[in-house]
Amino acid sequence: MKKIGALVVMIGCFMICGKALAGGSAPNFAGTWMGEYCTMSSKEGLRCGKPMEIVIDEQQKGLVRGYIKIGDKAYPLSGTISENRTISYTDALASVGVLRLVGGKVLQMKAVNRCVAGNAECAHSGTFRRKK
């Protein structure tokens, strides 16, 4: 009986350790994230305080899809989820960036692209909170 008990405990440990080593399940990115972002343009310099929404409509098998909404325009995005609570994404504005979940409550954005206004090289960063 002790051998069976020890075997059950070992199997349980292997299951828990295996999940921890594999990174467990991905955090939930789905939902609407609201915040502001800054743009650093090679032509116009730094501009901050621009409102933006990031909406993740679907999250499955390490992939996400949704859109970025700036003003009344929505730009589709898609990406992959990494083990370090990060989404690597691309969007309809030809941005390439990352969305990083911090503490389960804050989504940080970092991206680069060619700005629509002024046709200049741009970098973006922002902080977003899940809409309640």
N, C-alpha and C. Protein backbone atom coordinates (compact mmCIF):
# COMPACT_ATOMS: atom_id res chain seq x y z
N MET A 1 0.82 -1.19 0.00
CA MET A 1 0.00 0.00 0.00
C MET A 1 0.87 1.26 0.00
N LYS A 2 2.00 1.22 0.74
CA LYS A 2 2.90 2.37 0.78
C LYS A 2 3.51 2.62 -0.59
N LYS A 3 3.80 1.54 -1.33
CA LYS A 3 4.39 1.68 -2.66
C LYS A 3 3.41 2.36 -3.62
N ILE A 4 2.13 2.01 -3.51
CA ILE A 4 1.11 2.64 -4.37
C ILE A 4 0.98 4.12 -4.02
N GLY A 5 0.98 4.42 -2.73
CA GLY A 5 0.90 5.82 -2.30
C GLY A 5 2.09 6.63 -2.79
N ALA A 6 3.28 6.04 -2.69
CA ALA A 6 4.49 6.72 -3.16
C ALA A 6 4.44 6.93 -4.66
N LEU A 7 3.91 5.93 -5.39
CA LEU A 7 3.78 6.04 -6.84
C LEU A 7 2.82 7.17 -7.22
N VAL A 8 1.69 7.27 -6.52
CA VAL A 8 0.72 8.34 -6.78
C VAL A 8 1.35 9.71 -6.53
N VAL A 9 2.10 9.84 -5.45
CA VAL A 9 2.77 11.11 -5.13
C VAL A 9 3.78 11.44 -6.22
N MET A 10 4.56 10.46 -6.68
CA MET A 10 5.55 10.71 -7.73
C MET A 10 4.88 11.13 -9.03
N ILE A 11 3.81 10.48 -9.40
CA ILE A 11 3.10 10.84 -10.63
C ILE A 11 2.57 12.26 -10.52
N GLY A 12 2.01 12.60 -9.36
CA GLY A 12 1.52 13.97 -9.14
C GLY A 12 2.63 14.99 -9.27
N CYS A 13 3.80 14.69 -8.71
CA CYS A 13 4.94 15.60 -8.81
C CYS A 13 5.39 15.77 -10.25
N PHE A 14 5.43 14.65 -11.00
CA PHE A 14 5.82 14.73 -12.41
C PHE A 14 4.84 15.59 -13.20
N MET A 15 3.56 15.46 -12.91
CA MET A 15 2.55 16.24 -13.63
C MET A 15 2.69 17.73 -13.32
N ILE A 16 2.87 18.06 -12.05
CA ILE A 16 3.01 19.48 -11.66
C ILE A 16 4.31 20.05 -12.20
N CYS A 17 5.42 19.33 -12.04
CA CYS A 17 6.72 19.82 -12.52
C CYS A 17 6.72 19.92 -14.04
N GLY A 18 6.12 18.96 -14.72
CA GLY A 18 6.07 19.00 -16.18
C GLY A 18 5.33 20.22 -16.68
N LYS A 19 4.23 20.56 -16.03
CA LYS A 19 3.47 21.75 -16.44
C LYS A 19 4.27 23.01 -16.16
N ALA A 20 4.95 23.07 -15.02
CA ALA A 20 5.77 24.25 -14.69
C ALA A 20 6.91 24.41 -15.68
N LEU A 21 7.57 23.30 -16.03
CA LEU A 21 8.68 23.38 -16.98
C LEU A 21 8.20 23.73 -18.38
N ALA A 22 7.00 23.32 -18.73
CA ALA A 22 6.47 23.62 -20.07
C ALA A 22 5.89 25.02 -20.14
N GLY A 23 5.88 25.74 -19.03
CA GLY A 23 5.38 27.10 -19.04
C GLY A 23 3.91 27.22 -18.71
N GLY A 24 3.24 26.10 -18.46
CA GLY A 24 1.83 26.16 -18.12
C GLY A 24 1.02 26.72 -19.27
N SER A 25 -0.17 27.14 -18.94
CA SER A 25 -1.02 27.72 -19.98
C SER A 25 -0.72 29.21 -20.15
N ALA A 26 -1.04 29.72 -21.31
CA ALA A 26 -0.79 31.13 -21.61
C ALA A 26 -1.75 32.01 -20.81
N PRO A 27 -1.33 33.19 -20.42
CA PRO A 27 -2.25 34.10 -19.73
C PRO A 27 -3.36 34.54 -20.67
N ASN A 28 -4.44 35.00 -20.10
CA ASN A 28 -5.59 35.44 -20.89
C ASN A 28 -5.38 36.87 -21.36
N PHE A 29 -5.17 37.03 -22.66
CA PHE A 29 -5.02 38.36 -23.26
C PHE A 29 -6.34 38.87 -23.82
N ALA A 30 -7.33 37.99 -23.97
CA ALA A 30 -8.59 38.36 -24.63
C ALA A 30 -9.29 39.49 -23.89
N GLY A 31 -9.87 40.40 -24.66
CA GLY A 31 -10.62 41.51 -24.10
C GLY A 31 -10.22 42.83 -24.73
N THR A 32 -10.76 43.88 -24.17
CA THR A 32 -10.47 45.24 -24.64
C THR A 32 -9.54 45.92 -23.65
N TRP A 33 -8.47 46.46 -24.17
CA TRP A 33 -7.46 47.15 -23.38
C TRP A 33 -7.46 48.62 -23.80
N MET A 34 -7.57 49.52 -22.84
CA MET A 34 -7.65 50.96 -23.13
C MET A 34 -6.45 51.67 -22.52
N GLY A 35 -5.95 52.66 -23.25
CA GLY A 35 -4.84 53.44 -22.73
C GLY A 35 -4.38 54.49 -23.70
N GLU A 36 -3.17 54.96 -23.48
CA GLU A 36 -2.58 55.99 -24.33
C GLU A 36 -1.22 55.51 -24.81
N TYR A 37 -0.79 56.08 -25.93
CA TYR A 37 0.50 55.71 -26.46
C TYR A 37 1.27 56.94 -26.90
N CYS A 38 2.56 56.77 -27.06
CA CYS A 38 3.45 57.81 -27.55
C CYS A 38 4.04 57.36 -28.89
N THR A 39 4.34 58.34 -29.73
CA THR A 39 4.99 58.08 -31.00
C THR A 39 6.25 58.92 -31.08
N MET A 40 7.34 58.29 -31.50
CA MET A 40 8.58 59.01 -31.77
C MET A 40 8.80 58.92 -33.27
N SER A 41 8.65 60.04 -33.95
CA SER A 41 8.79 60.10 -35.40
C SER A 41 10.13 60.70 -35.76
N SER A 42 10.72 60.20 -36.85
CA SER A 42 11.98 60.76 -37.30
C SER A 42 11.80 62.18 -37.83
N LYS A 43 10.57 62.56 -38.16
CA LYS A 43 10.31 63.92 -38.66
C LYS A 43 9.73 64.85 -37.59
N GLU A 44 8.83 64.32 -36.73
CA GLU A 44 8.11 65.19 -35.79
C GLU A 44 8.56 65.07 -34.35
N GLY A 45 9.43 64.13 -34.03
CA GLY A 45 9.85 63.96 -32.64
C GLY A 45 8.81 63.22 -31.82
N LEU A 46 8.79 63.48 -30.50
CA LEU A 46 7.93 62.76 -29.57
C LEU A 46 6.56 63.41 -29.44
N ARG A 47 5.52 62.59 -29.52
CA ARG A 47 4.14 63.02 -29.28
C ARG A 47 3.47 61.98 -28.40
N CYS A 48 2.89 62.41 -27.29
CA CYS A 48 2.27 61.49 -26.33
C CYS A 48 0.82 61.86 -26.05
N GLY A 49 0.15 60.96 -25.33
CA GLY A 49 -1.21 61.21 -24.89
C GLY A 49 -2.28 60.85 -25.90
N LYS A 50 -1.92 60.04 -26.89
CA LYS A 50 -2.90 59.65 -27.90
C LYS A 50 -3.70 58.45 -27.38
N PRO A 51 -5.05 58.55 -27.33
CA PRO A 51 -5.85 57.42 -26.85
C PRO A 51 -5.88 56.29 -27.89
N MET A 52 -5.92 55.06 -27.39
CA MET A 52 -5.95 53.90 -28.27
C MET A 52 -6.57 52.72 -27.53
N GLU A 53 -7.22 51.85 -28.30
CA GLU A 53 -7.74 50.59 -27.77
C GLU A 53 -7.04 49.44 -28.47
N ILE A 54 -6.73 48.41 -27.71
CA ILE A 54 -6.25 47.15 -28.28
C ILE A 54 -7.30 46.11 -27.92
N VAL A 55 -7.86 45.46 -28.94
CA VAL A 55 -8.90 44.47 -28.71
C VAL A 55 -8.38 43.11 -29.20
N ILE A 56 -8.34 42.16 -28.28
CA ILE A 56 -7.98 40.78 -28.63
C ILE A 56 -9.29 40.00 -28.65
N ASP A 57 -9.77 39.69 -29.85
CA ASP A 57 -11.04 38.98 -30.03
C ASP A 57 -10.92 37.48 -29.80
N GLU A 58 -9.77 36.93 -30.16
CA GLU A 58 -9.64 35.47 -30.12
C GLU A 58 -8.23 35.09 -29.70
N GLN A 59 -8.15 34.07 -28.84
CA GLN A 59 -6.88 33.55 -28.36
C GLN A 59 -7.00 32.02 -28.34
N GLN A 60 -6.20 31.34 -29.18
CA GLN A 60 -6.23 29.89 -29.24
C GLN A 60 -4.87 29.35 -29.64
N LYS A 61 -4.46 28.27 -28.99
CA LYS A 61 -3.24 27.52 -29.36
C LYS A 61 -2.02 28.43 -29.55
N GLY A 62 -1.86 29.39 -28.66
CA GLY A 62 -0.69 30.27 -28.72
C GLY A 62 -0.78 31.36 -29.76
N LEU A 63 -1.96 31.58 -30.35
CA LEU A 63 -2.17 32.61 -31.37
C LEU A 63 -3.27 33.57 -30.94
N VAL A 64 -3.18 34.81 -31.40
CA VAL A 64 -4.22 35.80 -31.12
C VAL A 64 -4.58 36.56 -32.39
N ARG A 65 -5.80 37.09 -32.39
CA ARG A 65 -6.20 38.02 -33.44
C ARG A 65 -7.11 39.05 -32.81
N GLY A 66 -7.15 40.21 -33.43
CA GLY A 66 -7.97 41.30 -32.92
C GLY A 66 -7.73 42.53 -33.76
N TYR A 67 -7.73 43.69 -33.11
CA TYR A 67 -7.48 44.94 -33.83
C TYR A 67 -7.02 46.02 -32.88
N ILE A 68 -6.40 47.02 -33.46
CA ILE A 68 -6.00 48.23 -32.75
C ILE A 68 -6.92 49.33 -33.24
N LYS A 69 -7.54 50.05 -32.31
CA LYS A 69 -8.46 51.12 -32.68
C LYS A 69 -7.87 52.46 -32.26
N ILE A 70 -7.68 53.32 -33.27
CA ILE A 70 -7.19 54.67 -33.05
C ILE A 70 -8.25 55.61 -33.61
N GLY A 71 -8.86 56.39 -32.73
CA GLY A 71 -9.97 57.23 -33.17
C GLY A 71 -11.12 56.36 -33.63
N ASP A 72 -11.61 56.61 -34.85
CA ASP A 72 -12.71 55.81 -35.38
C ASP A 72 -12.24 54.75 -36.37
N LYS A 73 -10.92 54.52 -36.46
CA LYS A 73 -10.38 53.53 -37.39
C LYS A 73 -9.85 52.31 -36.64
N ALA A 74 -10.13 51.13 -37.19
CA ALA A 74 -9.65 49.87 -36.61
C ALA A 74 -8.68 49.21 -37.58
N TYR A 75 -7.56 48.73 -37.04
CA TYR A 75 -6.52 48.09 -37.84
C TYR A 75 -6.33 46.66 -37.32
N PRO A 76 -6.63 45.64 -38.15
CA PRO A 76 -6.49 44.25 -37.71
C PRO A 76 -5.07 43.93 -37.27
N LEU A 77 -4.97 43.05 -36.27
CA LEU A 77 -3.67 42.56 -35.83
C LEU A 77 -3.75 41.06 -35.61
N SER A 78 -2.61 40.41 -35.69
CA SER A 78 -2.50 39.00 -35.36
C SER A 78 -1.12 38.76 -34.77
N GLY A 79 -1.02 37.74 -33.92
CA GLY A 79 0.27 37.50 -33.29
C GLY A 79 0.40 36.14 -32.65
N THR A 80 1.56 35.92 -32.08
CA THR A 80 1.87 34.67 -31.37
C THR A 80 2.21 34.99 -29.93
N ILE A 81 1.83 34.07 -29.03
CA ILE A 81 2.10 34.25 -27.60
C ILE A 81 3.37 33.51 -27.25
N SER A 82 4.29 34.20 -26.57
CA SER A 82 5.54 33.60 -26.11
C SER A 82 5.37 33.13 -24.68
N GLU A 83 6.32 32.34 -24.21
CA GLU A 83 6.29 31.82 -22.85
C GLU A 83 6.45 32.91 -21.79
N ASN A 84 6.98 34.06 -22.16
CA ASN A 84 7.24 35.13 -21.19
C ASN A 84 6.12 36.17 -21.13
N ARG A 85 4.85 35.75 -21.34
CA ARG A 85 3.67 36.62 -21.23
C ARG A 85 3.71 37.76 -22.25
N THR A 86 4.21 37.45 -23.45
CA THR A 86 4.38 38.46 -24.49
C THR A 86 3.73 38.00 -25.79
N ILE A 87 3.09 38.93 -26.48
CA ILE A 87 2.57 38.68 -27.82
C ILE A 87 3.48 39.41 -28.80
N SER A 88 3.99 38.68 -29.78
CA SER A 88 4.71 39.31 -30.91
C SER A 88 3.66 39.45 -32.00
N TYR A 89 3.49 40.68 -32.52
CA TYR A 89 2.39 40.91 -33.45
C TYR A 89 2.79 41.73 -34.66
N THR A 90 1.92 41.69 -35.64
CA THR A 90 1.97 42.58 -36.79
C THR A 90 0.55 43.07 -37.01
N ASP A 91 0.43 44.26 -37.61
CA ASP A 91 -0.92 44.79 -37.83
C ASP A 91 -1.04 45.40 -39.23
N ALA A 92 -2.22 45.91 -39.52
CA ALA A 92 -2.51 46.43 -40.86
C ALA A 92 -1.74 47.71 -41.19
N LEU A 93 -1.12 48.32 -40.20
CA LEU A 93 -0.28 49.50 -40.44
C LEU A 93 1.17 49.11 -40.69
N ALA A 94 1.40 47.81 -40.86
CA ALA A 94 2.74 47.26 -41.07
C ALA A 94 3.62 47.45 -39.84
N SER A 95 3.00 47.55 -38.67
CA SER A 95 3.76 47.60 -37.42
C SER A 95 4.24 46.21 -37.07
N VAL A 96 5.39 46.15 -36.45
CA VAL A 96 5.89 44.93 -35.86
C VAL A 96 6.17 45.29 -34.41
N GLY A 97 5.58 44.52 -33.48
CA GLY A 97 5.75 44.91 -32.09
C GLY A 97 5.49 43.79 -31.12
N VAL A 98 5.54 44.17 -29.84
CA VAL A 98 5.25 43.24 -28.76
C VAL A 98 4.25 43.87 -27.81
N LEU A 99 3.40 43.02 -27.27
CA LEU A 99 2.48 43.37 -26.20
C LEU A 99 2.86 42.50 -25.01
N ARG A 100 3.23 43.11 -23.91
CA ARG A 100 3.71 42.35 -22.74
C ARG A 100 2.76 42.54 -21.59
N LEU A 101 2.29 41.43 -21.02
CA LEU A 101 1.39 41.47 -19.88
C LEU A 101 2.21 41.57 -18.60
N VAL A 102 1.96 42.62 -17.82
CA VAL A 102 2.70 42.88 -16.59
C VAL A 102 1.74 42.76 -15.41
N GLY A 103 2.00 41.83 -14.54
CA GLY A 103 1.19 41.67 -13.35
C GLY A 103 -0.26 41.27 -13.62
N GLY A 104 -0.55 40.82 -14.80
CA GLY A 104 -1.91 40.40 -15.14
C GLY A 104 -2.88 41.53 -15.36
N LYS A 105 -2.44 42.78 -15.17
CA LYS A 105 -3.37 43.91 -15.24
C LYS A 105 -2.98 44.98 -16.25
N VAL A 106 -1.72 45.02 -16.63
CA VAL A 106 -1.23 46.07 -17.51
C VAL A 106 -0.63 45.43 -18.76
N LEU A 107 -1.00 45.98 -19.92
CA LEU A 107 -0.46 45.54 -21.19
C LEU A 107 0.44 46.65 -21.72
N GLN A 108 1.73 46.34 -21.91
CA GLN A 108 2.67 47.32 -22.43
C GLN A 108 2.90 47.04 -23.91
N MET A 109 2.89 48.10 -24.72
CA MET A 109 3.09 47.97 -26.16
C MET A 109 4.40 48.64 -26.56
N LYS A 110 5.12 47.97 -27.45
CA LYS A 110 6.31 48.55 -28.10
C LYS A 110 6.24 48.11 -29.55
N ALA A 111 6.36 49.06 -30.48
CA ALA A 111 6.23 48.72 -31.91
C ALA A 111 7.01 49.71 -32.76
N VAL A 112 7.32 49.28 -33.97
CA VAL A 112 7.93 50.16 -34.97
C VAL A 112 7.19 49.99 -36.29
N ASN A 113 7.11 51.09 -37.06
CA ASN A 113 6.50 51.04 -38.39
C ASN A 113 6.82 52.32 -39.15
N ARG A 114 6.19 52.48 -40.28
CA ARG A 114 6.28 53.71 -41.04
C ARG A 114 5.01 54.48 -40.73
N CYS A 115 5.14 55.69 -40.15
CA CYS A 115 3.97 56.48 -39.76
C CYS A 115 3.13 56.83 -40.98
N VAL A 116 1.83 56.82 -40.79
CA VAL A 116 0.90 57.19 -41.86
C VAL A 116 1.06 58.67 -42.18
N ALA A 117 1.08 59.50 -41.14
CA ALA A 117 1.24 60.94 -41.33
C ALA A 117 2.72 61.27 -41.52
N GLY A 118 3.05 61.89 -42.60
CA GLY A 118 4.41 62.34 -42.84
C GLY A 118 5.33 61.30 -43.43
N ASN A 119 4.87 60.07 -43.60
CA ASN A 119 5.66 59.01 -44.21
C ASN A 119 7.06 58.93 -43.60
N ALA A 120 7.13 58.86 -42.27
CA ALA A 120 8.40 58.84 -41.56
C ALA A 120 8.54 57.55 -40.77
N GLU A 121 9.76 57.23 -40.39
CA GLU A 121 9.97 56.07 -39.52
C GLU A 121 9.45 56.42 -38.13
N CYS A 122 8.77 55.46 -37.49
CA CYS A 122 8.16 55.73 -36.19
C CYS A 122 8.38 54.58 -35.22
N ALA A 123 8.40 54.93 -33.96
CA ALA A 123 8.40 53.95 -32.87
C ALA A 123 7.26 54.33 -31.94
N HIS A 124 6.62 53.31 -31.37
CA HIS A 124 5.46 53.55 -30.50
C HIS A 124 5.63 52.80 -29.19
N SER A 125 5.11 53.37 -28.13
CA SER A 125 5.03 52.67 -26.86
C SER A 125 3.78 53.14 -26.15
N GLY A 126 3.22 52.27 -25.33
CA GLY A 126 2.02 52.64 -24.60
C GLY A 126 1.74 51.68 -23.48
N THR A 127 0.83 52.10 -22.60
CA THR A 127 0.41 51.28 -21.47
C THR A 127 -1.10 51.24 -21.48
N PHE A 128 -1.65 50.03 -21.31
CA PHE A 128 -3.09 49.82 -21.43
C PHE A 128 -3.60 48.97 -20.27
N ARG A 129 -4.83 49.24 -19.88
CA ARG A 129 -5.50 48.46 -18.82
C ARG A 129 -6.76 47.85 -19.40
N ARG A 130 -7.09 46.66 -18.89
CA ARG A 130 -8.27 45.97 -19.37
C ARG A 130 -9.53 46.76 -19.05
N LYS A 131 -10.38 46.93 -20.06
CA LYS A 131 -11.65 47.64 -19.88
C LYS A 131 -12.57 46.80 -19.01
N LYS A 132 -13.17 47.46 -18.04
CA LYS A 132 -14.06 46.73 -17.10
C LYS A 132 -15.47 46.66 -17.61
